[in-house]
Amino acid sequence: MQTNRSNIGSLIGGALLIAFGLLVLAGQVFRSLNWDFFWPFIVIGFGALFFVAMFAGGKGSAAFAIPGSIISGVGLILLFQNITGHWESMSYFWALIIMFVGVGIYIMGWYGEDEGQKKSGTSVMKVGLILFVIFGAFFEMIFSSFGNMIFPILLILLGGYLIIVRSGLLGKKKDESQTDDIPPAS
């Protein structure tokens, strides 16, 4: 009797062969179709195959959600960039890959019924989203014409804030009953 793992391998291999065969056939039938637009769907579909393997393998195969989320997510990023032509956004879209890892961990926890993994996945998603926002704001301010004025102003304000905080001007006020010479009574 064959093991469950070899069945999963056959399932993935067969699905890949069918997917590539359909793509080649579609390329032959629809020669006038602009394939420049559709190629990210190949990446998304490849990522979806990991989810097929996850569901086919049962709860023991929940870890397939992580590569499935990463690969499908990268395909979605490439689709966005392909549609918009905003390829320079990859300078900060990489942070979404961290978020996709968190999505995969969360799905793995959901499918495997592990609350700890769901909580870990949520934490990783938050980190990825925060990095995406920070780097996105930074790079969009640098590369956009509007950001040419805002970015230096934000740097000046941040520098001024750090100087004021470090100098103690915004620090806590001393209790007027205490002086520097006399320690407080114990």
N, C-alpha and C. Protein backbone atom coordinates (compact mmCIF):
# COMPACT_ATOMS: atom_id res chain seq x y z
N MET A 1 0.85 -1.19 0.00
CA MET A 1 0.00 0.00 0.00
C MET A 1 0.88 1.24 0.00
N GLN A 2 0.52 2.22 -0.82
CA GLN A 2 1.31 3.44 -0.91
C GLN A 2 1.00 4.35 0.27
N THR A 3 2.00 5.16 0.64
CA THR A 3 1.78 6.11 1.72
C THR A 3 1.02 7.33 1.22
N ASN A 4 0.53 8.08 2.17
CA ASN A 4 -0.23 9.29 1.85
C ASN A 4 0.66 10.33 1.17
N ARG A 5 1.95 10.35 1.53
CA ARG A 5 2.86 11.33 0.94
C ARG A 5 3.04 11.12 -0.56
N SER A 6 3.11 9.88 -0.99
CA SER A 6 3.28 9.64 -2.42
C SER A 6 2.00 10.01 -3.17
N ASN A 7 0.85 9.87 -2.53
CA ASN A 7 -0.40 10.31 -3.15
C ASN A 7 -0.41 11.82 -3.31
N ILE A 8 0.09 12.54 -2.33
CA ILE A 8 0.16 13.99 -2.42
C ILE A 8 1.11 14.40 -3.53
N GLY A 9 2.26 13.73 -3.63
CA GLY A 9 3.22 14.03 -4.69
C GLY A 9 2.62 13.79 -6.07
N SER A 10 1.87 12.71 -6.20
CA SER A 10 1.21 12.42 -7.48
C SER A 10 0.16 13.46 -7.79
N LEU A 11 -0.56 13.87 -6.78
CA LEU A 11 -1.59 14.90 -6.96
C LEU A 11 -0.98 16.21 -7.43
N ILE A 12 0.10 16.64 -6.77
CA ILE A 12 0.76 17.89 -7.15
C ILE A 12 1.38 17.77 -8.54
N GLY A 13 2.07 16.68 -8.79
CA GLY A 13 2.70 16.49 -10.11
C GLY A 13 1.66 16.46 -11.22
N GLY A 14 0.58 15.74 -11.00
CA GLY A 14 -0.47 15.68 -12.01
C GLY A 14 -1.12 17.03 -12.24
N ALA A 15 -1.37 17.77 -11.16
CA ALA A 15 -1.97 19.09 -11.30
C ALA A 15 -1.04 20.04 -12.05
N LEU A 16 0.28 19.94 -11.78
CA LEU A 16 1.24 20.79 -12.51
C LEU A 16 1.24 20.46 -14.00
N LEU A 17 1.24 19.18 -14.33
CA LEU A 17 1.24 18.79 -15.74
C LEU A 17 -0.03 19.28 -16.44
N ILE A 18 -1.16 19.14 -15.77
CA ILE A 18 -2.43 19.62 -16.36
C ILE A 18 -2.38 21.13 -16.55
N ALA A 19 -1.90 21.86 -15.52
CA ALA A 19 -1.86 23.32 -15.60
C ALA A 19 -0.95 23.79 -16.74
N PHE A 20 0.24 23.20 -16.85
CA PHE A 20 1.14 23.60 -17.92
C PHE A 20 0.61 23.20 -19.28
N GLY A 21 -0.03 22.03 -19.35
CA GLY A 21 -0.64 21.61 -20.61
C GLY A 21 -1.74 22.55 -21.05
N LEU A 22 -2.57 23.00 -20.09
CA LEU A 22 -3.63 23.95 -20.41
C LEU A 22 -3.06 25.29 -20.88
N LEU A 23 -1.97 25.72 -20.25
CA LEU A 23 -1.35 26.98 -20.66
C LEU A 23 -0.78 26.89 -22.08
N VAL A 24 -0.12 25.79 -22.37
CA VAL A 24 0.44 25.63 -23.72
C VAL A 24 -0.68 25.55 -24.75
N LEU A 25 -1.72 24.80 -24.42
CA LEU A 25 -2.86 24.69 -25.33
C LEU A 25 -3.52 26.06 -25.54
N ALA A 26 -3.71 26.82 -24.46
CA ALA A 26 -4.31 28.16 -24.58
C ALA A 26 -3.41 29.06 -25.42
N GLY A 27 -2.09 28.93 -25.25
CA GLY A 27 -1.17 29.72 -26.05
C GLY A 27 -1.28 29.42 -27.53
N GLN A 28 -1.55 28.17 -27.87
CA GLN A 28 -1.70 27.78 -29.27
C GLN A 28 -3.05 28.25 -29.84
N VAL A 29 -4.09 28.13 -29.03
CA VAL A 29 -5.43 28.48 -29.50
C VAL A 29 -5.60 30.00 -29.58
N PHE A 30 -5.10 30.70 -28.59
CA PHE A 30 -5.29 32.16 -28.51
C PHE A 30 -3.97 32.88 -28.77
N ARG A 31 -3.45 32.77 -29.96
CA ARG A 31 -2.15 33.38 -30.29
C ARG A 31 -2.18 34.90 -30.20
N SER A 32 -3.33 35.51 -30.42
CA SER A 32 -3.40 36.97 -30.38
C SER A 32 -3.56 37.53 -28.96
N LEU A 33 -3.72 36.66 -27.98
CA LEU A 33 -3.90 37.09 -26.60
C LEU A 33 -2.60 37.68 -26.05
N ASN A 34 -2.72 38.75 -25.30
CA ASN A 34 -1.56 39.40 -24.72
C ASN A 34 -1.14 38.64 -23.45
N TRP A 35 -0.15 37.76 -23.58
CA TRP A 35 0.28 36.94 -22.45
C TRP A 35 1.09 37.75 -21.45
N ASP A 36 1.51 38.94 -21.81
CA ASP A 36 2.23 39.78 -20.85
C ASP A 36 1.37 40.09 -19.63
N PHE A 37 0.08 40.14 -19.82
CA PHE A 37 -0.82 40.43 -18.71
C PHE A 37 -1.09 39.19 -17.86
N PHE A 38 -1.14 38.02 -18.48
CA PHE A 38 -1.60 36.81 -17.79
C PHE A 38 -0.52 36.02 -17.05
N TRP A 39 0.75 36.30 -17.28
CA TRP A 39 1.78 35.46 -16.69
C TRP A 39 1.77 35.43 -15.17
N PRO A 40 1.38 36.50 -14.45
CA PRO A 40 1.34 36.37 -12.98
C PRO A 40 0.33 35.32 -12.50
N PHE A 41 -0.67 35.01 -13.32
CA PHE A 41 -1.63 33.99 -12.92
C PHE A 41 -0.99 32.61 -12.83
N ILE A 42 0.09 32.40 -13.56
CA ILE A 42 0.82 31.14 -13.46
C ILE A 42 1.42 31.02 -12.07
N VAL A 43 1.99 32.11 -11.56
CA VAL A 43 2.58 32.10 -10.22
C VAL A 43 1.48 31.91 -9.18
N ILE A 44 0.36 32.61 -9.33
CA ILE A 44 -0.75 32.47 -8.39
C ILE A 44 -1.27 31.03 -8.40
N GLY A 45 -1.41 30.46 -9.59
CA GLY A 45 -1.88 29.08 -9.70
C GLY A 45 -0.93 28.09 -9.07
N PHE A 46 0.37 28.31 -9.24
CA PHE A 46 1.36 27.43 -8.62
C PHE A 46 1.23 27.49 -7.10
N GLY A 47 1.02 28.68 -6.55
CA GLY A 47 0.81 28.81 -5.11
C GLY A 47 -0.47 28.13 -4.65
N ALA A 48 -1.50 28.19 -5.49
CA ALA A 48 -2.78 27.56 -5.15
C ALA A 48 -2.63 26.04 -5.06
N LEU A 49 -1.69 25.47 -5.82
CA LEU A 49 -1.47 24.03 -5.76
C LEU A 49 -1.03 23.57 -4.37
N PHE A 50 -0.34 24.42 -3.64
CA PHE A 50 0.04 24.08 -2.28
C PHE A 50 -1.18 23.97 -1.37
N PHE A 51 -2.18 24.80 -1.64
CA PHE A 51 -3.41 24.70 -0.86
C PHE A 51 -4.17 23.43 -1.22
N VAL A 52 -4.12 23.04 -2.50
CA VAL A 52 -4.72 21.77 -2.91
C VAL A 52 -4.05 20.63 -2.14
N ALA A 53 -2.72 20.66 -2.06
CA ALA A 53 -1.98 19.63 -1.33
C ALA A 53 -2.34 19.66 0.16
N MET A 54 -2.54 20.85 0.71
CA MET A 54 -2.89 20.97 2.11
C MET A 54 -4.23 20.28 2.39
N PHE A 55 -5.23 20.59 1.56
CA PHE A 55 -6.55 20.01 1.78
C PHE A 55 -6.57 18.52 1.46
N ALA A 56 -5.79 18.10 0.48
CA ALA A 56 -5.76 16.68 0.11
C ALA A 56 -5.04 15.85 1.16
N GLY A 57 -4.07 16.43 1.82
CA GLY A 57 -3.27 15.69 2.80
C GLY A 57 -3.83 15.67 4.20
N GLY A 58 -4.87 16.42 4.45
CA GLY A 58 -5.45 16.45 5.79
C GLY A 58 -4.70 17.38 6.73
N LYS A 59 -5.04 17.32 8.00
CA LYS A 59 -4.48 18.24 8.99
C LYS A 59 -2.97 18.11 9.14
N GLY A 60 -2.42 16.95 8.84
CA GLY A 60 -0.97 16.76 8.90
C GLY A 60 -0.22 17.53 7.82
N SER A 61 -0.92 17.99 6.82
CA SER A 61 -0.30 18.73 5.71
C SER A 61 -0.59 20.22 5.79
N ALA A 62 -0.96 20.70 6.97
CA ALA A 62 -1.33 22.11 7.12
C ALA A 62 -0.17 23.05 6.80
N ALA A 63 1.06 22.57 6.93
CA ALA A 63 2.22 23.43 6.67
C ALA A 63 2.33 23.86 5.21
N PHE A 64 1.62 23.18 4.30
CA PHE A 64 1.62 23.61 2.90
C PHE A 64 1.02 25.01 2.73
N ALA A 65 0.31 25.48 3.74
CA ALA A 65 -0.30 26.81 3.66
C ALA A 65 0.77 27.91 3.59
N ILE A 66 1.92 27.68 4.20
CA ILE A 66 2.95 28.73 4.24
C ILE A 66 3.53 28.98 2.85
N PRO A 67 4.08 27.96 2.14
CA PRO A 67 4.57 28.26 0.79
C PRO A 67 3.44 28.65 -0.15
N GLY A 68 2.24 28.10 0.06
CA GLY A 68 1.11 28.48 -0.78
C GLY A 68 0.78 29.96 -0.64
N SER A 69 0.81 30.46 0.59
CA SER A 69 0.52 31.88 0.82
C SER A 69 1.61 32.77 0.24
N ILE A 70 2.86 32.37 0.42
CA ILE A 70 3.97 33.18 -0.08
C ILE A 70 3.93 33.26 -1.61
N ILE A 71 3.83 32.10 -2.26
CA ILE A 71 3.89 32.07 -3.73
C ILE A 71 2.67 32.76 -4.33
N SER A 72 1.48 32.48 -3.80
CA SER A 72 0.26 33.14 -4.31
C SER A 72 0.33 34.65 -4.07
N GLY A 73 0.83 35.04 -2.91
CA GLY A 73 0.95 36.46 -2.61
C GLY A 73 1.92 37.18 -3.53
N VAL A 74 3.06 36.53 -3.82
CA VAL A 74 4.01 37.12 -4.76
C VAL A 74 3.37 37.24 -6.14
N GLY A 75 2.58 36.25 -6.52
CA GLY A 75 1.86 36.33 -7.79
C GLY A 75 0.90 37.51 -7.82
N LEU A 76 0.21 37.77 -6.71
CA LEU A 76 -0.69 38.92 -6.64
C LEU A 76 0.08 40.24 -6.73
N ILE A 77 1.26 40.29 -6.07
CA ILE A 77 2.10 41.49 -6.18
C ILE A 77 2.51 41.71 -7.64
N LEU A 78 2.95 40.65 -8.29
CA LEU A 78 3.37 40.76 -9.69
C LEU A 78 2.20 41.15 -10.59
N LEU A 79 1.01 40.64 -10.30
CA LEU A 79 -0.17 41.02 -11.07
C LEU A 79 -0.46 42.51 -10.90
N PHE A 80 -0.40 43.00 -9.66
CA PHE A 80 -0.61 44.42 -9.40
C PHE A 80 0.40 45.27 -10.17
N GLN A 81 1.66 44.88 -10.08
CA GLN A 81 2.70 45.65 -10.74
C GLN A 81 2.59 45.56 -12.26
N ASN A 82 2.15 44.43 -12.74
CA ASN A 82 1.98 44.25 -14.18
C ASN A 82 0.83 45.12 -14.70
N ILE A 83 -0.23 45.21 -13.93
CA ILE A 83 -1.39 46.01 -14.33
C ILE A 83 -1.07 47.51 -14.26
N THR A 84 -0.42 47.92 -13.17
CA THR A 84 -0.19 49.35 -12.95
C THR A 84 1.10 49.86 -13.59
N GLY A 85 2.06 48.96 -13.85
CA GLY A 85 3.36 49.40 -14.36
C GLY A 85 4.20 50.08 -13.30
N HIS A 86 3.81 49.95 -12.05
CA HIS A 86 4.50 50.60 -10.92
C HIS A 86 5.52 49.62 -10.34
N TRP A 87 6.51 49.24 -11.16
CA TRP A 87 7.48 48.22 -10.78
C TRP A 87 8.40 48.69 -9.66
N GLU A 88 8.58 49.98 -9.53
CA GLU A 88 9.46 50.47 -8.46
C GLU A 88 8.86 50.21 -7.07
N SER A 89 7.59 49.85 -7.03
CA SER A 89 6.97 49.55 -5.73
C SER A 89 7.56 48.30 -5.10
N MET A 90 8.30 47.49 -5.85
CA MET A 90 8.94 46.32 -5.25
C MET A 90 9.98 46.73 -4.22
N SER A 91 10.39 48.00 -4.24
CA SER A 91 11.34 48.48 -3.24
C SER A 91 10.76 48.40 -1.83
N TYR A 92 9.46 48.30 -1.71
CA TYR A 92 8.85 48.12 -0.39
C TYR A 92 7.81 46.99 -0.37
N PHE A 93 7.40 46.49 -1.50
CA PHE A 93 6.43 45.39 -1.53
C PHE A 93 7.02 44.11 -0.95
N TRP A 94 8.34 44.00 -0.88
CA TRP A 94 8.97 42.83 -0.30
C TRP A 94 8.47 42.61 1.12
N ALA A 95 8.11 43.67 1.81
CA ALA A 95 7.63 43.54 3.19
C ALA A 95 6.33 42.74 3.25
N LEU A 96 5.58 42.74 2.16
CA LEU A 96 4.35 41.96 2.12
C LEU A 96 4.65 40.46 2.17
N ILE A 97 5.83 40.06 1.73
CA ILE A 97 6.19 38.64 1.79
C ILE A 97 6.21 38.19 3.24
N ILE A 98 6.69 39.04 4.13
CA ILE A 98 6.65 38.73 5.57
C ILE A 98 5.20 38.56 6.01
N MET A 99 4.33 39.44 5.52
CA MET A 99 2.93 39.33 5.86
C MET A 99 2.34 38.02 5.31
N PHE A 100 2.74 37.62 4.11
CA PHE A 100 2.24 36.37 3.53
C PHE A 100 2.69 35.16 4.35
N VAL A 101 3.89 35.23 4.93
CA VAL A 101 4.33 34.16 5.83
C VAL A 101 3.36 34.08 7.01
N GLY A 102 3.01 35.25 7.56
CA GLY A 102 2.06 35.28 8.67
C GLY A 102 0.70 34.73 8.28
N VAL A 103 0.25 35.06 7.07
CA VAL A 103 -1.02 34.53 6.58
C VAL A 103 -0.94 33.00 6.51
N GLY A 104 0.17 32.49 6.00
CA GLY A 104 0.35 31.04 5.92
C GLY A 104 0.36 30.37 7.28
N ILE A 105 1.03 30.99 8.25
CA ILE A 105 1.06 30.43 9.60
C ILE A 105 -0.35 30.46 10.21
N TYR A 106 -1.07 31.55 9.97
CA TYR A 106 -2.43 31.65 10.48
C TYR A 106 -3.33 30.57 9.86
N ILE A 107 -3.25 30.39 8.54
CA ILE A 107 -4.06 29.37 7.87
C ILE A 107 -3.67 27.98 8.36
N MET A 108 -2.37 27.77 8.57
CA MET A 108 -1.91 26.49 9.10
C MET A 108 -2.52 26.23 10.48
N GLY A 109 -2.55 27.26 11.32
CA GLY A 109 -3.16 27.12 12.63
C GLY A 109 -4.66 26.92 12.56
N TRP A 110 -5.29 27.60 11.63
CA TRP A 110 -6.74 27.46 11.46
C TRP A 110 -7.08 26.05 10.99
N TYR A 111 -6.36 25.57 9.99
CA TYR A 111 -6.65 24.25 9.43
C TYR A 111 -6.25 23.14 10.40
N GLY A 112 -5.15 23.34 11.11
CA GLY A 112 -4.68 22.34 12.07
C GLY A 112 -5.27 22.52 13.45
N GLU A 113 -6.15 23.49 13.61
CA GLU A 113 -6.83 23.79 14.87
C GLU A 113 -5.84 24.03 16.01
N ASP A 114 -4.86 24.91 15.76
CA ASP A 114 -3.85 25.26 16.74
C ASP A 114 -3.91 26.76 16.99
N GLU A 115 -4.45 27.14 18.15
CA GLU A 115 -4.62 28.56 18.48
C GLU A 115 -3.29 29.29 18.59
N GLY A 116 -2.24 28.60 19.05
CA GLY A 116 -0.92 29.22 19.17
C GLY A 116 -0.37 29.64 17.81
N GLN A 117 -0.57 28.80 16.80
CA GLN A 117 -0.11 29.15 15.46
C GLN A 117 -0.93 30.30 14.88
N LYS A 118 -2.22 30.31 15.16
CA LYS A 118 -3.04 31.42 14.67
C LYS A 118 -2.56 32.73 15.29
N LYS A 119 -2.24 32.71 16.58
CA LYS A 119 -1.76 33.92 17.26
C LYS A 119 -0.39 34.34 16.70
N SER A 120 0.49 33.36 16.47
CA SER A 120 1.80 33.67 15.89
C SER A 120 1.65 34.25 14.48
N GLY A 121 0.75 33.66 13.70
CA GLY A 121 0.51 34.16 12.35
C GLY A 121 0.02 35.59 12.35
N THR A 122 -0.87 35.90 13.28
CA THR A 122 -1.38 37.27 13.39
C THR A 122 -0.25 38.24 13.74
N SER A 123 0.64 37.83 14.64
CA SER A 123 1.77 38.69 15.01
C SER A 123 2.69 38.95 13.82
N VAL A 124 2.99 37.90 13.07
CA VAL A 124 3.87 38.06 11.90
C VAL A 124 3.19 38.93 10.85
N MET A 125 1.88 38.76 10.66
CA MET A 125 1.15 39.61 9.70
C MET A 125 1.26 41.07 10.10
N LYS A 126 1.13 41.36 11.39
CA LYS A 126 1.22 42.75 11.85
C LYS A 126 2.60 43.34 11.56
N VAL A 127 3.65 42.56 11.82
CA VAL A 127 5.01 43.04 11.55
C VAL A 127 5.18 43.34 10.07
N GLY A 128 4.72 42.43 9.22
CA GLY A 128 4.82 42.64 7.77
C GLY A 128 4.06 43.86 7.31
N LEU A 129 2.86 44.05 7.86
CA LEU A 129 2.05 45.20 7.48
C LEU A 129 2.69 46.51 7.94
N ILE A 130 3.23 46.52 9.16
CA ILE A 130 3.89 47.72 9.67
C ILE A 130 5.11 48.06 8.81
N LEU A 131 5.93 47.05 8.48
CA LEU A 131 7.09 47.29 7.62
C LEU A 131 6.66 47.79 6.24
N PHE A 132 5.59 47.22 5.72
CA PHE A 132 5.08 47.66 4.42
C PHE A 132 4.68 49.13 4.45
N VAL A 133 3.98 49.54 5.50
CA VAL A 133 3.54 50.94 5.61
C VAL A 133 4.75 51.87 5.77
N ILE A 134 5.68 51.48 6.63
CA ILE A 134 6.85 52.34 6.88
C ILE A 134 7.69 52.49 5.61
N PHE A 135 8.06 51.36 5.01
CA PHE A 135 8.89 51.43 3.80
C PHE A 135 8.12 52.01 2.62
N GLY A 136 6.82 51.72 2.54
CA GLY A 136 6.01 52.29 1.47
C GLY A 136 5.97 53.80 1.55
N ALA A 137 5.73 54.31 2.75
CA ALA A 137 5.71 55.77 2.92
C ALA A 137 7.07 56.36 2.59
N PHE A 138 8.13 55.72 3.07
CA PHE A 138 9.48 56.22 2.84
C PHE A 138 9.80 56.28 1.35
N PHE A 139 9.61 55.17 0.63
CA PHE A 139 9.99 55.13 -0.77
C PHE A 139 9.04 55.92 -1.66
N GLU A 140 7.77 55.95 -1.33
CA GLU A 140 6.85 56.77 -2.13
C GLU A 140 7.15 58.25 -1.95
N MET A 141 7.57 58.63 -0.75
CA MET A 141 7.93 60.04 -0.54
C MET A 141 9.18 60.41 -1.31
N ILE A 142 10.10 59.48 -1.41
CA ILE A 142 11.34 59.75 -2.13
C ILE A 142 11.08 59.83 -3.64
N PHE A 143 10.29 58.87 -4.16
CA PHE A 143 10.14 58.75 -5.60
C PHE A 143 9.02 59.60 -6.19
N SER A 144 8.11 60.08 -5.38
CA SER A 144 7.03 60.90 -5.95
C SER A 144 7.42 62.36 -5.89
N SER A 145 6.89 63.15 -6.81
CA SER A 145 7.24 64.57 -6.85
C SER A 145 6.70 65.31 -5.63
N PHE A 146 5.55 64.89 -5.13
CA PHE A 146 4.98 65.53 -3.94
C PHE A 146 5.85 65.25 -2.72
N GLY A 147 6.43 64.04 -2.69
CA GLY A 147 7.25 63.66 -1.56
C GLY A 147 8.57 64.37 -1.49
N ASN A 148 8.99 65.02 -2.56
CA ASN A 148 10.26 65.74 -2.54
C ASN A 148 10.26 66.86 -1.52
N MET A 149 9.12 67.41 -1.21
CA MET A 149 9.04 68.46 -0.19
C MET A 149 8.73 67.88 1.19
N ILE A 150 7.87 66.86 1.23
CA ILE A 150 7.42 66.33 2.51
C ILE A 150 8.53 65.56 3.22
N PHE A 151 9.28 64.75 2.49
CA PHE A 151 10.29 63.92 3.12
C PHE A 151 11.34 64.74 3.88
N PRO A 152 11.92 65.78 3.29
CA PRO A 152 12.89 66.57 4.06
C PRO A 152 12.25 67.26 5.27
N ILE A 153 11.02 67.70 5.12
CA ILE A 153 10.33 68.34 6.25
C ILE A 153 10.12 67.33 7.38
N LEU A 154 9.72 66.11 7.03
CA LEU A 154 9.54 65.08 8.05
C LEU A 154 10.86 64.74 8.73
N LEU A 155 11.95 64.71 7.96
CA LEU A 155 13.27 64.46 8.56
C LEU A 155 13.64 65.57 9.55
N ILE A 156 13.38 66.81 9.16
CA ILE A 156 13.68 67.94 10.05
C ILE A 156 12.85 67.86 11.32
N LEU A 157 11.56 67.57 11.17
CA LEU A 157 10.69 67.46 12.35
C LEU A 157 11.11 66.31 13.26
N LEU A 158 11.45 65.17 12.67
CA LEU A 158 11.88 64.03 13.47
C LEU A 158 13.19 64.34 14.18
N GLY A 159 14.12 64.97 13.48
CA GLY A 159 15.39 65.36 14.12
C GLY A 159 15.18 66.34 15.24
N GLY A 160 14.32 67.33 15.02
CA GLY A 160 14.02 68.29 16.09
C GLY A 160 13.36 67.63 17.29
N TYR A 161 12.46 66.70 17.03
CA TYR A 161 11.81 65.99 18.12
C TYR A 161 12.82 65.20 18.94
N LEU A 162 13.74 64.50 18.26
CA LEU A 162 14.75 63.72 18.97
C LEU A 162 15.66 64.62 19.81
N ILE A 163 16.03 65.77 19.26
CA ILE A 163 16.89 66.70 20.01
C ILE A 163 16.17 67.20 21.25
N ILE A 164 14.91 67.57 21.09
CA ILE A 164 14.15 68.10 22.23
C ILE A 164 13.96 67.02 23.29
N VAL A 165 13.65 65.80 22.88
CA VAL A 165 13.44 64.72 23.86
C VAL A 165 14.75 64.39 24.56
N ARG A 166 15.85 64.31 23.81
CA ARG A 166 17.14 63.97 24.41
C ARG A 166 17.66 65.08 25.32
N SER A 167 17.30 66.32 25.04
CA SER A 167 17.77 67.41 25.89
C SER A 167 16.97 67.51 27.18
N GLY A 168 15.85 66.82 27.24
CA GLY A 168 15.05 66.83 28.46
C GLY A 168 14.00 67.91 28.48
N LEU A 169 13.87 68.69 27.41
CA LEU A 169 12.88 69.75 27.40
C LEU A 169 11.45 69.22 27.49
N LEU A 170 11.23 68.01 26.99
CA LEU A 170 9.90 67.41 27.07
C LEU A 170 9.84 66.33 28.14
N GLY A 171 10.87 66.28 28.98
CA GLY A 171 10.92 65.25 30.02
C GLY A 171 9.94 65.54 31.14
N LYS A 172 9.98 64.69 32.17
CA LYS A 172 9.09 64.85 33.30
C LYS A 172 9.50 66.08 34.10
N LYS A 173 8.51 66.75 34.66
CA LYS A 173 8.80 67.88 35.55
C LYS A 173 9.17 67.32 36.91
N LYS A 174 10.15 67.95 37.54
CA LYS A 174 10.57 67.52 38.86
C LYS A 174 9.53 67.93 39.89
N ASP A 175 9.41 67.09 40.90
CA ASP A 175 8.56 67.43 42.03
C ASP A 175 9.24 68.58 42.76
N GLU A 176 8.55 69.67 42.96
CA GLU A 176 9.17 70.87 43.51
C GLU A 176 9.61 70.69 44.95
N SER A 177 9.10 69.66 45.63
CA SER A 177 9.52 69.44 47.01
C SER A 177 10.87 68.75 47.08
N GLN A 178 11.34 68.23 45.97
CA GLN A 178 12.63 67.54 45.95
C GLN A 178 13.67 68.43 45.28
N THR A 179 14.86 68.34 45.73
CA THR A 179 15.98 69.04 45.10
C THR A 179 16.98 68.00 44.64
N ASP A 180 17.95 68.44 43.84
CA ASP A 180 18.95 67.52 43.33
C ASP A 180 19.89 67.04 44.43
N ASP A 181 20.05 67.84 45.50
CA ASP A 181 21.03 67.50 46.54
C ASP A 181 20.50 66.46 47.51
N ILE A 182 19.22 66.49 47.80
CA ILE A 182 18.66 65.66 48.85
C ILE A 182 17.86 64.51 48.24
N PRO A 183 18.26 63.28 48.53
CA PRO A 183 17.48 62.17 48.00
C PRO A 183 16.13 62.09 48.72
N PRO A 184 15.11 61.53 48.06
CA PRO A 184 13.80 61.43 48.70
C PRO A 184 13.86 60.50 49.91
N ALA A 185 13.01 60.77 50.88
CA ALA A 185 12.96 59.96 52.10
C ALA A 185 12.41 58.58 51.79
N SER A 186 13.01 57.56 52.42
CA SER A 186 12.56 56.20 52.17
C SER A 186 11.53 55.77 53.17
